[in-house]
C-alpha atoms as a PDB file:
ATOM      1  CA  MET A   1     -62.167 -71.653 -80.380  1.00  0.00           C
ATOM      2  CA  ARG A   2     -61.814 -72.990 -83.888  1.00  0.00           C
ATOM      3  CA  ALA A   3     -60.165 -76.156 -85.165  1.00  0.00           C
ATOM      4  CA  ALA A   4     -59.065 -77.149 -88.661  1.00  0.00           C
ATOM      5  CA  MET A   5     -59.097 -80.873 -89.412  1.00  0.00           C
ATOM      6  CA  LEU A   6     -56.939 -81.878 -92.398  1.00  0.00           C
ATOM      7  CA  ILE A   7     -58.178 -84.967 -94.254  1.00  0.00           C
ATOM      8  CA  GLY A   8     -57.844 -86.742 -97.574  1.00  0.00           C
ATOM      9  CA  PRO A   9     -58.662 -90.040 -99.262  1.00  0.00           C
ATOM     10  CA  LEU A  10     -57.858 -93.145 -97.186  1.00  0.00           C
ATOM     11  CA  VAL A  11     -57.961 -91.245 -93.905  1.00  0.00           C
ATOM     12  CA  ASP A  12     -58.623 -93.366 -90.826  1.00  0.00           C
ATOM     13  CA  GLU A  13     -62.339 -92.893 -90.208  1.00  0.00           C
ATOM     14  CA  TYR A  14     -62.011 -93.263 -86.418  1.00  0.00           C
ATOM     15  CA  GLU A  15     -59.309 -90.612 -86.368  1.00  0.00           C
ATOM     16  CA  VAL A  16     -61.698 -88.113 -87.933  1.00  0.00           C
ATOM     17  CA  VAL A  17     -64.964 -88.892 -86.160  1.00  0.00           C
ATOM     18  CA  VAL A  18     -63.637 -89.271 -82.599  1.00  0.00           C
ATOM     19  CA  PRO A  19     -61.540 -86.052 -82.428  1.00  0.00           C
ATOM     20  CA  TRP A  20     -64.310 -84.154 -84.236  1.00  0.00           C
ATOM     21  CA  SER A  21     -66.810 -85.346 -81.615  1.00  0.00           C
ATOM     22  CA  LEU A  22     -64.488 -84.583 -78.699  1.00  0.00           C
ATOM     23  CA  LEU A  23     -63.793 -81.058 -79.907  1.00  0.00           C
ATOM     24  CA  LYS A  24     -67.466 -80.362 -80.661  1.00  0.00           C
ATOM     25  CA  ALA A  25     -68.365 -81.568 -77.131  1.00  0.00           C
ATOM     26  CA  LYS A  26     -65.956 -78.945 -75.779  1.00  0.00           C
ATOM     27  CA  GLY A  27     -67.646 -76.200 -77.792  1.00  0.00           C
ATOM     28  CA  VAL A  28     -64.934 -75.972 -80.446  1.00  0.00           C
ATOM     29  CA  GLU A  29     -66.041 -75.041 -83.960  1.00  0.00           C
ATOM     30  CA  VAL A  30     -64.503 -77.616 -86.328  1.00  0.00           C
ATOM     31  CA  ASP A  31     -63.942 -77.059 -90.035  1.00  0.00           C
ATOM     32  CA  ILE A  32     -62.925 -80.024 -92.152  1.00  0.00           C
ATOM     33  CA  PHE A  33     -60.414 -79.261 -94.889  1.00  0.00           C
ATOM     34  CA  SER A  34     -59.535 -81.443 -97.870  1.00  0.00           C
ATOM     35  CA  PHE A  35     -58.468 -81.149-101.488  1.00  0.00           C
ATOM     36  CA  GLU A  36     -62.049 -80.315-102.496  1.00  0.00           C
ATOM     37  CA  LYS A  37     -64.856 -79.013-100.329  1.00  0.00           C
ATOM     38  CA  GLU A  38     -68.293 -80.617-100.258  1.00  0.00           C
ATOM     39  CA  LYS A  39     -66.892 -83.775-101.877  1.00  0.00           C
ATOM     40  CA  PRO A  40     -67.231 -86.982 -99.818  1.00  0.00           C
ATOM     41  CA  VAL A  41     -63.975 -88.551 -98.647  1.00  0.00           C
ATOM     42  CA  LYS A  42     -63.611 -92.330 -98.564  1.00  0.00           C
ATOM     43  CA  GLY A  43     -61.683 -93.676 -95.579  1.00  0.00           C
ATOM     44  CA  LYS A  44     -59.167 -96.485 -95.460  1.00  0.00           C
ATOM     45  CA  ARG A  45     -61.846 -99.003 -94.401  1.00  0.00           C
ATOM     46  CA  GLY A  46     -63.890 -98.122 -97.487  1.00  0.00           C
ATOM     47  CA  VAL A  47     -66.426 -96.020 -95.585  1.00  0.00           C
ATOM     48  CA  GLU A  48     -67.472 -92.749 -97.182  1.00  0.00           C
ATOM     49  CA  LEU A  49     -67.420 -90.174 -94.393  1.00  0.00           C
ATOM     50  CA  GLU A  50     -70.677 -88.394 -93.660  1.00  0.00           C
ATOM     51  CA  LEU A  51     -68.650 -85.456 -92.348  1.00  0.00           C
ATOM     52  CA  LEU A  52     -68.071 -83.564 -95.583  1.00  0.00           C
ATOM     53  CA  PRO A  53     -65.140 -81.209 -95.970  1.00  0.00           C
ATOM     54  CA  ASN A  54     -66.550 -77.703 -95.783  1.00  0.00           C
ATOM     55  CA  LYS A  55     -63.269 -76.020 -96.771  1.00  0.00           C
ATOM     56  CA  SER A  56     -60.457 -76.648 -99.239  1.00  0.00           C
ATOM     57  CA  PHE A  57     -56.762 -76.558 -98.391  1.00  0.00           C
ATOM     58  CA  GLU A  58     -56.450 -73.262-100.285  1.00  0.00           C
ATOM     59  CA  GLU A  59     -58.566 -71.658 -97.534  1.00  0.00           C
ATOM     60  CA  LEU A  60     -56.239 -72.599 -94.650  1.00  0.00           C
ATOM     61  CA  SER A  61     -55.255 -69.625 -92.483  1.00  0.00           C
ATOM     62  CA  SER A  62     -53.305 -69.945 -89.252  1.00  0.00           C
ATOM     63  CA  GLU A  63     -54.743 -66.604 -88.155  1.00  0.00           C
ATOM     64  CA  GLU A  64     -58.277 -68.030 -88.098  1.00  0.00           C
ATOM     65  CA  TYR A  65     -57.642 -71.260 -86.176  1.00  0.00           C
ATOM     66  CA  ASP A  66     -56.525 -72.213 -82.675  1.00  0.00           C
ATOM     67  CA  ILE A  67     -56.130 -75.944 -83.294  1.00  0.00           C
ATOM     68  CA  ALA A  68     -54.961 -78.108 -86.200  1.00  0.00           C
ATOM     69  CA  VAL A  69     -55.884 -81.803 -86.214  1.00  0.00           C
ATOM     70  CA  ILE A  70     -54.072 -84.213 -88.518  1.00  0.00           C
ATOM     71  CA  PRO A  71     -55.793 -87.627 -88.572  1.00  0.00           C
ATOM     72  CA  GLY A  72     -53.838 -90.621 -89.807  1.00  0.00           C
ATOM     73  CA  GLY A  73     -54.546 -93.534 -92.043  1.00  0.00           C
ATOM     74  CA  PHE A  74     -52.876 -93.279 -95.424  1.00  0.00           C
ATOM     75  CA  ALA A  75     -54.219 -89.776 -96.156  1.00  0.00           C
ATOM     76  CA  PRO A  76     -51.274 -87.882 -94.627  1.00  0.00           C
ATOM     77  CA  ASP A  77     -49.009 -89.191 -97.390  1.00  0.00           C
ATOM     78  CA  LYS A  78     -51.095 -87.206 -99.909  1.00  0.00           C
ATOM     79  CA  VAL A  79     -52.142 -84.330 -97.622  1.00  0.00           C
ATOM     80  CA  ARG A  80     -48.520 -83.474 -96.776  1.00  0.00           C
ATOM     81  CA  ARG A  81     -47.752 -82.762-100.423  1.00  0.00           C
ATOM     82  CA  ASP A  82     -50.101 -79.768-100.521  1.00  0.00           C
ATOM     83  CA  PRO A  83     -48.091 -76.525-100.067  1.00  0.00           C
ATOM     84  CA  ASN A  84     -51.017 -74.886 -98.251  1.00  0.00           C
ATOM     85  CA  VAL A  85     -51.045 -77.670 -95.660  1.00  0.00           C
ATOM     86  CA  LYS A  86     -47.293 -77.463 -95.088  1.00  0.00           C
ATOM     87  CA  ARG A  87     -47.424 -73.684 -94.683  1.00  0.00           C
ATOM     88  CA  PHE A  88     -50.434 -73.848 -92.364  1.00  0.00           C
ATOM     89  CA  VAL A  89     -48.989 -76.519 -90.065  1.00  0.00           C
ATOM     90  CA  LYS A  90     -45.616 -74.754 -89.876  1.00  0.00           C
ATOM     91  CA  GLU A  91     -47.303 -71.437 -89.022  1.00  0.00           C
ATOM     92  CA  MET A  92     -49.552 -73.083 -86.413  1.00  0.00           C
ATOM     93  CA  VAL A  93     -46.543 -74.608 -84.664  1.00  0.00           C
ATOM     94  CA  GLU A  94     -44.512 -71.391 -84.881  1.00  0.00           C
ATOM     95  CA  ARG A  95     -47.403 -69.322 -83.496  1.00  0.00           C
ATOM     96  CA  GLY A  96     -47.722 -71.638 -80.505  1.00  0.00           C
ATOM     97  CA  LYS A  97     -51.137 -72.900 -81.525  1.00  0.00           C
ATOM     98  CA  LEU A  98     -52.214 -76.439 -80.712  1.00  0.00           C
ATOM     99  CA  VAL A  99     -51.340 -79.064 -83.333  1.00  0.00           C
ATOM    100  CA  ILE A 100     -52.631 -82.622 -82.876  1.00  0.00           C
ATOM    101  CA  SER A 101     -51.043 -85.392 -84.941  1.00  0.00           C
ATOM    102  CA  ILE A 102     -52.600 -88.858 -84.879  1.00  0.00           C
ATOM    103  CA  CYS A 103     -50.941 -92.069 -86.097  1.00  0.00           C
ATOM    104  CA  HIS A 104     -49.537 -91.380 -89.606  1.00  0.00           C
ATOM    105  CA  GLY A 105     -50.299 -87.660 -89.168  1.00  0.00           C
ATOM    106  CA  GLY A 106     -46.646 -87.269 -88.192  1.00  0.00           C
ATOM    107  CA  TRP A 107     -45.802 -87.384 -91.880  1.00  0.00           C
ATOM    108  CA  VAL A 108     -47.367 -83.936 -92.199  1.00  0.00           C
ATOM    109  CA  LEU A 109     -45.191 -82.644 -89.343  1.00  0.00           C
ATOM    110  CA  VAL A 110     -42.131 -84.002 -91.150  1.00  0.00           C
ATOM    111  CA  SER A 111     -43.062 -82.386 -94.475  1.00  0.00           C
ATOM    112  CA  ALA A 112     -43.924 -79.085 -92.773  1.00  0.00           C
ATOM    113  CA  GLY A 113     -40.425 -79.048 -91.281  1.00  0.00           C
ATOM    114  CA  VAL A 114     -41.561 -78.978 -87.648  1.00  0.00           C
ATOM    115  CA  ALA A 115     -40.535 -82.453 -86.423  1.00  0.00           C
ATOM    116  CA  LYS A 116     -36.866 -81.689 -85.802  1.00  0.00           C
ATOM    117  CA  GLY A 117     -35.979 -81.480 -82.128  1.00  0.00           C
ATOM    118  CA  ARG A 118     -39.430 -82.566 -80.957  1.00  0.00           C
ATOM    119  CA  ARG A 119     -40.497 -85.549 -78.902  1.00  0.00           C
ATOM    120  CA  LEU A 120     -43.172 -87.324 -80.980  1.00  0.00           C
ATOM    121  CA  THR A 121     -45.072 -90.558 -81.251  1.00  0.00           C
ATOM    122  CA  GLY A 122     -47.133 -92.014 -84.050  1.00  0.00           C
ATOM    123  CA  SER A 123     -47.685 -95.266 -85.839  1.00  0.00           C
ATOM    124  CA  ALA A 124     -44.584 -97.488 -85.601  1.00  0.00           C
ATOM    125  CA  GLY A 125     -44.641 -97.471 -89.414  1.00  0.00           C
ATOM    126  CA  ILE A 126     -43.471 -93.836 -89.509  1.00  0.00           C
ATOM    127  CA  TRP A 127     -40.934 -93.929 -86.676  1.00  0.00           C
ATOM    128  CA  ASP A 128     -37.990 -94.089 -89.087  1.00  0.00           C
ATOM    129  CA  ASP A 129     -39.365 -91.066 -90.948  1.00  0.00           C
ATOM    130  CA  LEU A 130     -39.758 -89.128 -87.694  1.00  0.00           C
ATOM    131  CA  ARG A 131     -36.210 -90.034 -86.596  1.00  0.00           C
ATOM    132  CA  ASN A 132     -34.773 -89.149 -90.006  1.00  0.00           C
ATOM    133  CA  ALA A 133     -36.477 -85.747 -89.711  1.00  0.00           C
ATOM    134  CA  GLY A 134     -34.705 -85.167 -86.388  1.00  0.00           C
ATOM    135  CA  ALA A 135     -37.475 -86.041 -83.940  1.00  0.00           C
ATOM    136  CA  GLU A 136     -37.043 -88.105 -80.805  1.00  0.00           C
ATOM    137  CA  VAL A 137     -39.519 -90.974 -81.136  1.00  0.00           C
ATOM    138  CA  VAL A 138     -41.301 -91.960 -77.942  1.00  0.00           C
ATOM    139  CA  ASP A 139     -43.210 -95.241 -77.739  1.00  0.00           C
ATOM    140  CA  ALA A 140     -46.092 -93.894 -75.664  1.00  0.00           C
ATOM    141  CA  PRO A 141     -49.836 -93.540 -76.265  1.00  0.00           C
ATOM    142  CA  VAL A 142     -49.696 -89.731 -76.254  1.00  0.00           C
ATOM    143  CA  VAL A 143     -46.761 -87.317 -76.221  1.00  0.00           C
ATOM    144  CA  VAL A 144     -47.073 -83.619 -75.462  1.00  0.00           C
ATOM    145  CA  ASP A 145     -44.171 -81.464 -76.617  1.00  0.00           C
ATOM    146  CA  GLY A 146     -45.066 -77.832 -76.125  1.00  0.00           C
ATOM    147  CA  ASN A 147     -48.000 -77.055 -78.391  1.00  0.00           C
ATOM    148  CA  VAL A 148     -47.746 -80.330 -80.346  1.00  0.00           C
ATOM    149  CA  ILE A 149     -49.695 -83.378 -79.187  1.00  0.00           C
ATOM    150  CA  SER A 150     -48.976 -86.654 -80.962  1.00  0.00           C
ATOM    151  CA  VAL A 151     -51.056 -89.802 -80.562  1.00  0.00           C
ATOM    152  CA  ARG A 152     -49.689 -93.257 -81.433  1.00  0.00           C
ATOM    153  CA  THR A 153     -52.918 -94.704 -82.921  1.00  0.00           C
ATOM    154  CA  TRP A 154     -56.691 -94.539 -82.483  1.00  0.00           C
ATOM    155  CA  ARG A 155     -56.338 -97.375 -79.981  1.00  0.00           C
ATOM    156  CA  ASP A 156     -54.764 -94.799 -77.654  1.00  0.00           C
ATOM    157  CA  PHE A 157     -57.770 -92.467 -77.687  1.00  0.00           C
ATOM    158  CA  PRO A 158     -58.615 -93.124 -73.996  1.00  0.00           C
ATOM    159  CA  ASP A 159     -55.247 -91.547 -73.091  1.00  0.00           C
ATOM    160  CA  PHE A 160     -55.761 -88.813 -75.682  1.00  0.00           C
ATOM    161  CA  VAL A 161     -59.124 -87.875 -74.132  1.00  0.00           C
ATOM    162  CA  LYS A 162     -57.418 -87.302 -70.755  1.00  0.00           C
ATOM    163  CA  VAL A 163     -54.703 -85.145 -72.316  1.00  0.00           C
ATOM    164  CA  LEU A 164     -57.208 -83.152 -74.364  1.00  0.00           C
ATOM    165  CA  ASP A 165     -59.260 -82.564 -71.193  1.00  0.00           C
ATOM    166  CA  GLU A 166     -56.140 -81.215 -69.479  1.00  0.00           C
ATOM    167  CA  VAL A 167     -55.149 -79.005 -72.399  1.00  0.00           C
ATOM    168  CA  LEU A 168     -58.619 -77.619 -73.203  1.00  0.00           C
ATOM    169  CA  GLY A 169     -60.120 -77.870 -69.719  1.00  0.00           C
ATOM    170  CA  LYS A 170     -62.915 -80.201 -68.740  1.00  0.00           C
END
């Protein structure tokens, strides 16, 4: 299995490193996509990530990946503006592939046009945006709606680990 992680400047560092580690532990090959490959990305806490993007958004292909991971922080506000990201996320959802949205990652779901009619969670700061896009907001640590998993914040990772174990198998 292959996963595409979509990151940008001011991403939440925890929301990159923890899912990356969990997926790698399950034998998933993880590619990190950003605006530029091989260029360090600085997170919202000021930490420059050691996990360098090895792909650019122009290289996104829903045919090549089984999982999309959208970490939060403030990065999704920039990431969601890239037409390649919007196309990729929309295609992943439509093809029934797993899409994981963490915290502010829901902004990408909104911009990709896939939030409408879904049950989603995320940071309370984007709940109005999710509702305005037609989603039903659920105040829960993790919400699974078909092939879309949304996580409220990194503080809910213990619940996310259990759900990921169920979805991917232990």
